[in-house]
Amino acid sequence: MHQISIALSRQTWVMNCMVICTRQIARDVACFEPVSGSNCEEDLMATVSEFNVFGEEIEKLMLLRTSPLAVKMLEKESDIPEGAVRPKADQGYHLAQCQVFSICRKKGQSIAMLKDDHWCWGPLIAYGLVEPGIAEKFPELKDAVKKVPLIEYGRYIGIVSAPLKTANFVPDAVLIYSNNAQLNNILWALSFGGEGLINSPMYPITSCAFSVVPALSGQYCITLPDPGELGRAQAGEDEIIFSLPKDKVAGLVSQLRMFEERKMGYRHHALWEVMPDFPRPEFYKNFYRECGLEADDIPTWLAR
């Protein structure tokens, strides 16, 4: 009976703490007013230099381990930006698209991928570089391809990616590799601009497709790195991909700046609370009594 009483006391105490915390958050949220001009639907087209600044700010404000990626689809070879490297044409080897994303965001390179640079079927079909009907000839692919978002065949000849902070081109989409807490903070910031509710399909393969293709049509998307990206491109097990179209980037940065000003950003640990006088085991209390210190903290740990 004594243990039950203690357990109920602790439960009541925890519930009271939750109520206090919830009220505090409600007060914080209530004091927020929309930031003038921050409606994510009203973003203006940014220049290359502005996108570079956006890349620097996102990386800094979110404490990202790697740089946000600028991604652009290529309609013709002359669209390849100056300084971009082609793996096969320039280096004599092939890469998978996920490996290219990893190199770009971790090592700061700019890499263009045309059909003969690829070493994985996913982007060839998803980006419309080969006829998608070819998948019907392969039992391993014909069902999977039906679940993958596709760009119409022949619309583009390739894709280029580079760190957003150094890219010398205006991206079609931006990919942010983050952990779950960072993503949550991004979505929370967007929610104060009227967005943040994201509907994304989850599929275990072709993260190169799911992270790029929907964003090209104006959608936010959240993607799990696929097994190949985890293994061959060394994506972190705690990483998740948030993608957004180019005309949403300025709005995101505006919301992140607002969160920074109000100490709600990721790096401020806004909802992290220190609980004083936390419950302790009985021997802690006995030790404190022996030292002549206050020891009768309630609630306490349950006896084991």
Protein backbone atom coordinates (compact mmCIF):
# COMPACT_ATOMS: atom_id res chain seq x y z
CA MET A 1 0.00 0.00 0.00
CA HIS A 2 2.91 2.29 0.84
CA GLN A 3 4.47 1.68 -2.59
CA ILE A 4 1.16 2.36 -4.34
CA SER A 5 0.80 5.64 -2.44
CA ILE A 6 4.30 6.70 -3.43
CA ALA A 7 3.64 5.76 -7.06
CA LEU A 8 0.44 7.79 -7.13
CA SER A 9 2.21 10.74 -5.51
CA ARG A 10 4.91 10.60 -8.13
CA GLN A 11 2.35 10.32 -10.93
CA THR A 12 0.51 13.36 -9.59
CA TRP A 13 3.76 15.30 -9.32
CA VAL A 14 4.77 14.43 -12.90
CA MET A 15 1.32 15.37 -14.19
CA ASN A 16 1.53 18.72 -12.41
CA CYS A 17 4.92 19.35 -14.02
CA MET A 18 3.48 18.49 -17.44
CA VAL A 19 0.58 20.88 -16.93
CA ILE A 20 2.94 23.69 -15.90
CA CYS A 21 5.19 23.02 -18.90
CA THR A 22 2.22 22.88 -21.28
CA ARG A 23 0.88 26.18 -19.96
CA GLN A 24 4.30 27.77 -20.40
CA ILE A 25 4.53 26.55 -24.01
CA ALA A 26 1.00 27.79 -24.67
CA ARG A 27 1.98 31.24 -23.37
CA ASP A 28 5.10 31.23 -25.55
CA VAL A 29 3.11 30.23 -28.63
CA ALA A 30 0.37 32.76 -27.91
CA CYS A 31 2.89 35.60 -27.91
CA PHE A 32 4.01 34.78 -31.45
CA GLU A 33 2.70 36.97 -34.22
CA PRO A 34 3.08 36.18 -37.93
CA VAL A 35 6.28 37.56 -39.38
CA SER A 36 5.54 40.17 -41.99
CA GLY A 37 6.13 38.83 -45.48
CA SER A 38 6.96 35.33 -44.24
CA ASN A 39 4.07 33.50 -45.92
CA CYS A 40 5.79 30.55 -47.52
CA GLU A 41 3.44 30.70 -50.51
CA GLU A 42 4.63 34.20 -51.40
CA ASP A 43 8.38 33.61 -51.73
CA LEU A 44 10.11 35.50 -54.51
CA MET A 45 12.71 33.93 -56.75
CA ALA A 46 16.14 34.31 -55.19
CA THR A 47 19.44 34.84 -56.97
CA VAL A 48 22.41 32.48 -56.85
CA SER A 49 24.14 34.59 -54.20
CA GLU A 50 20.98 34.71 -52.11
CA PHE A 51 20.70 30.93 -52.25
CA ASN A 52 24.32 30.73 -51.10
CA VAL A 53 23.43 32.85 -48.07
CA PHE A 54 20.38 30.66 -47.41
CA GLY A 55 22.65 27.60 -47.43
CA GLU A 56 25.01 29.17 -44.90
CA GLU A 57 22.14 30.21 -42.63
CA ILE A 58 20.30 26.88 -42.68
CA GLU A 59 23.52 25.00 -41.91
CA LYS A 60 24.40 27.36 -39.05
CA LEU A 61 20.95 27.76 -37.48
CA MET A 62 20.19 24.03 -37.55
CA LEU A 63 23.68 22.89 -36.51
CA LEU A 64 23.74 20.50 -39.47
CA ARG A 65 26.61 18.06 -39.80
CA THR A 66 26.62 18.41 -43.59
CA SER A 67 25.66 21.15 -46.02
CA PRO A 68 22.17 21.49 -47.51
CA LEU A 69 22.27 20.40 -51.15
CA ALA A 70 21.33 22.42 -54.21
CA VAL A 71 19.91 20.13 -56.91
CA LYS A 72 19.19 21.13 -60.50
CA MET A 73 17.91 19.08 -63.42
CA LEU A 74 19.78 19.50 -66.73
CA GLU A 75 18.02 19.82 -70.06
CA LYS A 76 21.18 19.90 -72.19
CA GLU A 77 24.93 19.51 -71.71
CA SER A 78 25.50 23.25 -71.94
CA ASP A 79 23.45 23.57 -68.73
CA ILE A 80 26.21 21.85 -66.74
CA PRO A 81 27.59 24.56 -64.41
CA GLU A 82 31.20 25.62 -64.69
CA GLY A 83 33.40 23.53 -62.40
CA ALA A 84 30.98 20.61 -62.05
CA VAL A 85 32.71 17.25 -62.45
CA ARG A 86 31.28 14.26 -64.30
CA PRO A 87 32.39 10.95 -62.73
CA LYS A 88 32.69 8.86 -65.92
CA ALA A 89 33.65 11.58 -68.36
CA ASP A 90 36.18 13.32 -66.10
CA GLN A 91 37.29 10.66 -63.63
CA GLY A 92 36.81 7.40 -65.51
CA TYR A 93 34.48 5.72 -63.02
CA HIS A 94 30.78 5.49 -62.18
CA LEU A 95 28.92 6.54 -59.03
CA ALA A 96 25.43 6.01 -57.65
CA GLN A 97 23.38 9.16 -57.17
CA CYS A 98 23.28 8.71 -53.40
CA GLN A 99 27.09 8.55 -53.38
CA VAL A 100 27.19 11.82 -55.30
CA PHE A 101 24.85 13.48 -52.80
CA SER A 102 27.13 12.28 -50.01
CA ILE A 103 30.28 13.60 -51.67
CA CYS A 104 28.69 16.96 -52.41
CA ARG A 105 27.26 17.57 -48.95
CA LYS A 106 30.31 16.26 -47.06
CA LYS A 107 33.22 17.29 -49.29
CA GLY A 108 31.77 20.38 -50.93
CA GLN A 109 32.08 19.24 -54.53
CA SER A 110 29.83 20.05 -57.50
CA ILE A 111 28.99 16.93 -59.53
CA ALA A 112 26.92 16.47 -62.69
CA MET A 113 25.41 13.08 -63.50
CA LEU A 114 24.34 12.18 -67.04
CA LYS A 115 23.07 8.77 -68.07
CA ASP A 116 26.49 7.16 -68.55
CA ASP A 117 27.79 8.40 -65.17
CA HIS A 118 25.25 6.41 -63.13
CA TRP A 119 25.84 3.04 -61.45
CA CYS A 120 22.31 2.34 -60.12
CA TRP A 121 18.99 1.76 -61.87
CA GLY A 122 16.92 4.02 -59.59
CA PRO A 123 17.83 7.49 -60.87
CA LEU A 124 18.05 6.31 -64.48
CA ILE A 125 14.34 5.50 -64.43
CA ALA A 126 13.15 8.08 -61.85
CA TYR A 127 14.84 11.03 -63.56
CA GLY A 128 13.58 9.95 -67.00
CA LEU A 129 17.02 9.16 -68.40
CA VAL A 130 15.85 5.79 -69.79
CA GLU A 131 12.47 4.55 -70.94
CA PRO A 132 10.61 3.36 -67.78
CA GLY A 133 8.98 0.52 -69.70
CA ILE A 134 12.31 -1.27 -69.72
CA ALA A 135 11.63 -2.26 -66.10
CA GLU A 136 8.91 -4.66 -67.33
CA LYS A 137 11.66 -6.92 -68.66
CA PHE A 138 13.09 -7.43 -65.18
CA PRO A 139 11.11 -9.23 -62.44
CA GLU A 140 13.28 -7.50 -59.84
CA LEU A 141 12.14 -4.05 -61.02
CA LYS A 142 8.69 -4.16 -62.59
CA ASP A 143 6.73 -3.95 -59.33
CA ALA A 144 9.10 -1.55 -57.54
CA VAL A 145 9.04 0.98 -60.39
CA LYS A 146 5.26 1.30 -60.07
CA LYS A 147 5.77 2.76 -56.58
CA VAL A 148 8.52 5.23 -57.50
CA PRO A 149 7.84 8.87 -58.51
CA LEU A 150 8.98 9.40 -62.09
CA ILE A 151 9.92 12.32 -64.32
CA GLU A 152 8.70 11.92 -67.87
CA TYR A 153 11.20 10.18 -70.11
CA GLY A 154 13.43 12.48 -72.15
CA ARG A 155 12.64 15.71 -70.34
CA TYR A 156 16.14 15.95 -68.83
CA ILE A 157 19.55 14.55 -69.68
CA GLY A 158 20.92 14.64 -66.14
CA ILE A 159 21.20 16.25 -62.72
CA VAL A 160 23.76 18.40 -60.93
CA SER A 161 24.21 18.84 -57.18
CA ALA A 162 26.44 20.96 -54.96
CA PRO A 163 26.40 22.48 -51.48
CA LEU A 164 23.75 25.20 -51.42
CA LYS A 165 26.20 27.63 -49.81
CA THR A 166 28.66 27.39 -52.73
CA ALA A 167 26.53 26.34 -55.72
CA ASN A 168 26.99 28.54 -58.81
CA PHE A 169 23.48 27.80 -60.08
CA VAL A 170 19.90 28.37 -58.97
CA PRO A 171 18.60 25.02 -57.69
CA ASP A 172 15.33 23.37 -58.62
CA ALA A 173 15.20 21.79 -55.17
CA VAL A 174 17.10 21.76 -51.89
CA LEU A 175 17.83 18.64 -49.83
CA ILE A 176 18.57 18.90 -46.11
CA TYR A 177 20.03 15.89 -44.32
CA SER A 178 19.22 16.21 -40.62
CA ASN A 179 18.43 14.20 -37.53
CA ASN A 180 14.84 13.79 -36.35
CA ALA A 181 15.02 16.60 -33.78
CA GLN A 182 16.37 19.05 -36.37
CA LEU A 183 13.62 18.06 -38.81
CA ASN A 184 11.01 18.53 -36.11
CA ASN A 185 12.29 22.05 -35.47
CA ILE A 186 12.21 22.85 -39.20
CA LEU A 187 8.59 21.71 -39.46
CA TRP A 188 7.71 23.58 -36.27
CA ALA A 189 9.18 26.78 -37.72
CA LEU A 190 7.25 26.26 -40.96
CA SER A 191 4.03 25.78 -38.98
CA PHE A 192 4.25 29.40 -37.84
CA GLY A 193 4.15 30.40 -41.51
CA GLY A 194 1.03 28.32 -42.14
CA GLU A 195 2.81 25.15 -43.29
CA GLY A 196 4.61 22.24 -41.65
CA LEU A 197 2.07 19.45 -42.24
CA ILE A 198 3.90 17.17 -44.67
CA ASN A 199 2.41 14.15 -46.41
CA SER A 200 5.20 11.98 -47.77
CA PRO A 201 5.13 8.38 -48.97
CA MET A 202 7.62 6.16 -47.18
CA TYR A 203 9.33 3.48 -49.26
CA PRO A 204 12.51 1.58 -48.37
CA ILE A 205 14.32 1.99 -51.71
CA THR A 206 15.18 4.70 -54.28
CA SER A 207 15.65 7.57 -51.84
CA CYS A 208 17.26 9.39 -54.79
CA ALA A 209 13.80 9.47 -56.40
CA PHE A 210 11.62 10.23 -53.39
CA SER A 211 13.89 13.05 -52.20
CA VAL A 212 14.04 14.82 -55.58
CA VAL A 213 11.07 14.17 -57.88
CA PRO A 214 8.20 15.43 -55.63
CA ALA A 215 10.14 18.61 -54.80
CA LEU A 216 10.41 19.40 -58.51
CA SER A 217 6.62 19.67 -58.64
CA GLY A 218 6.49 22.08 -55.69
CA GLN A 219 6.05 19.65 -52.80
CA TYR A 220 7.82 19.34 -49.48
CA CYS A 221 8.92 15.76 -48.91
CA ILE A 222 10.55 13.68 -46.19
CA THR A 223 12.60 10.65 -47.23
CA LEU A 224 14.36 7.82 -45.45
CA PRO A 225 17.84 7.08 -46.83
CA ASP A 226 17.56 3.71 -48.54
CA PRO A 227 19.77 0.65 -47.87
CA GLY A 228 22.17 1.60 -50.65
CA GLU A 229 22.49 5.14 -49.33
CA LEU A 230 23.12 3.84 -45.82
CA GLY A 231 25.67 1.30 -47.03
CA ARG A 232 27.45 2.68 -50.08
CA ALA A 233 26.97 6.40 -49.48
CA GLN A 234 27.46 6.21 -45.71
CA ALA A 235 24.37 8.16 -44.73
CA GLY A 236 24.03 8.22 -40.95
CA GLU A 237 21.55 5.86 -39.30
CA ASP A 238 20.06 8.92 -37.57
CA GLU A 239 19.76 10.95 -40.78
CA ILE A 240 16.54 11.78 -42.60
CA ILE A 241 16.10 13.89 -45.74
CA PHE A 242 13.88 16.97 -45.95
CA SER A 243 13.41 18.28 -49.48
CA LEU A 244 11.79 21.49 -50.63
CA PRO A 245 11.32 23.28 -53.96
CA LYS A 246 13.38 26.36 -54.75
CA ASP A 247 10.50 28.80 -54.21
CA LYS A 248 10.03 27.56 -50.63
CA VAL A 249 13.61 28.11 -49.47
CA ALA A 250 13.35 31.85 -48.72
CA GLY A 251 10.23 31.22 -46.64
CA LEU A 252 11.94 28.49 -44.64
CA VAL A 253 14.93 30.71 -43.89
CA SER A 254 12.59 33.52 -42.84
CA GLN A 255 10.87 31.21 -40.36
CA LEU A 256 14.18 29.87 -39.04
CA ARG A 257 15.40 33.45 -38.50
CA MET A 258 12.23 34.22 -36.57
CA PHE A 259 12.74 31.15 -34.40
CA GLU A 260 16.34 32.20 -33.78
CA GLU A 261 15.28 35.70 -32.69
CA ARG A 262 12.76 34.25 -30.25
CA LYS A 263 15.13 31.61 -28.88
CA MET A 264 12.94 28.78 -30.24
CA GLY A 265 15.48 27.48 -32.76
CA TYR A 266 17.07 24.06 -32.63
CA ARG A 267 20.34 25.27 -31.16
CA HIS A 268 18.58 26.93 -28.21
CA HIS A 269 17.01 23.68 -26.90
CA ALA A 270 13.80 25.65 -26.39
CA LEU A 271 11.76 22.89 -24.79
CA TRP A 272 14.55 21.36 -22.75
CA GLU A 273 13.67 21.60 -19.09
CA VAL A 274 15.87 20.91 -16.06
CA MET A 275 13.88 19.13 -13.34
CA PRO A 276 15.11 20.19 -9.89
CA ASP A 277 14.84 17.93 -6.85
CA PHE A 278 14.43 14.86 -9.02
CA PRO A 279 13.51 11.52 -7.37
CA ARG A 280 16.47 9.60 -5.94
CA PRO A 281 17.13 6.07 -4.66
CA GLU A 282 16.89 5.50 -0.91
CA PHE A 283 20.63 5.12 -0.43
CA TYR A 284 21.10 8.65 -1.83
CA LYS A 285 18.86 9.92 0.98
CA ASN A 286 20.70 7.92 3.61
CA PHE A 287 23.99 9.27 2.33
CA TYR A 288 22.68 12.85 2.47
CA ARG A 289 21.38 12.35 6.02
CA GLU A 290 24.78 11.03 7.03
CA CYS A 291 26.31 14.20 5.59
CA GLY A 292 23.79 16.40 7.41
CA LEU A 293 22.14 17.48 4.17
CA GLU A 294 18.48 17.72 3.19
CA ALA A 295 17.34 14.24 2.27
CA ASP A 296 13.54 13.95 2.40
CA ASP A 297 12.79 14.47 -1.27
CA ILE A 298 9.31 13.34 -2.33
CA PRO A 299 8.46 11.61 -4.59
CA THR A 300 11.05 8.91 -4.41
CA TRP A 301 12.12 5.90 -6.40
CA LEU A 302 10.00 2.81 -5.93
CA ALA A 303 11.56 0.05 -3.85
CA ARG A 304 12.94 -2.79 -5.96
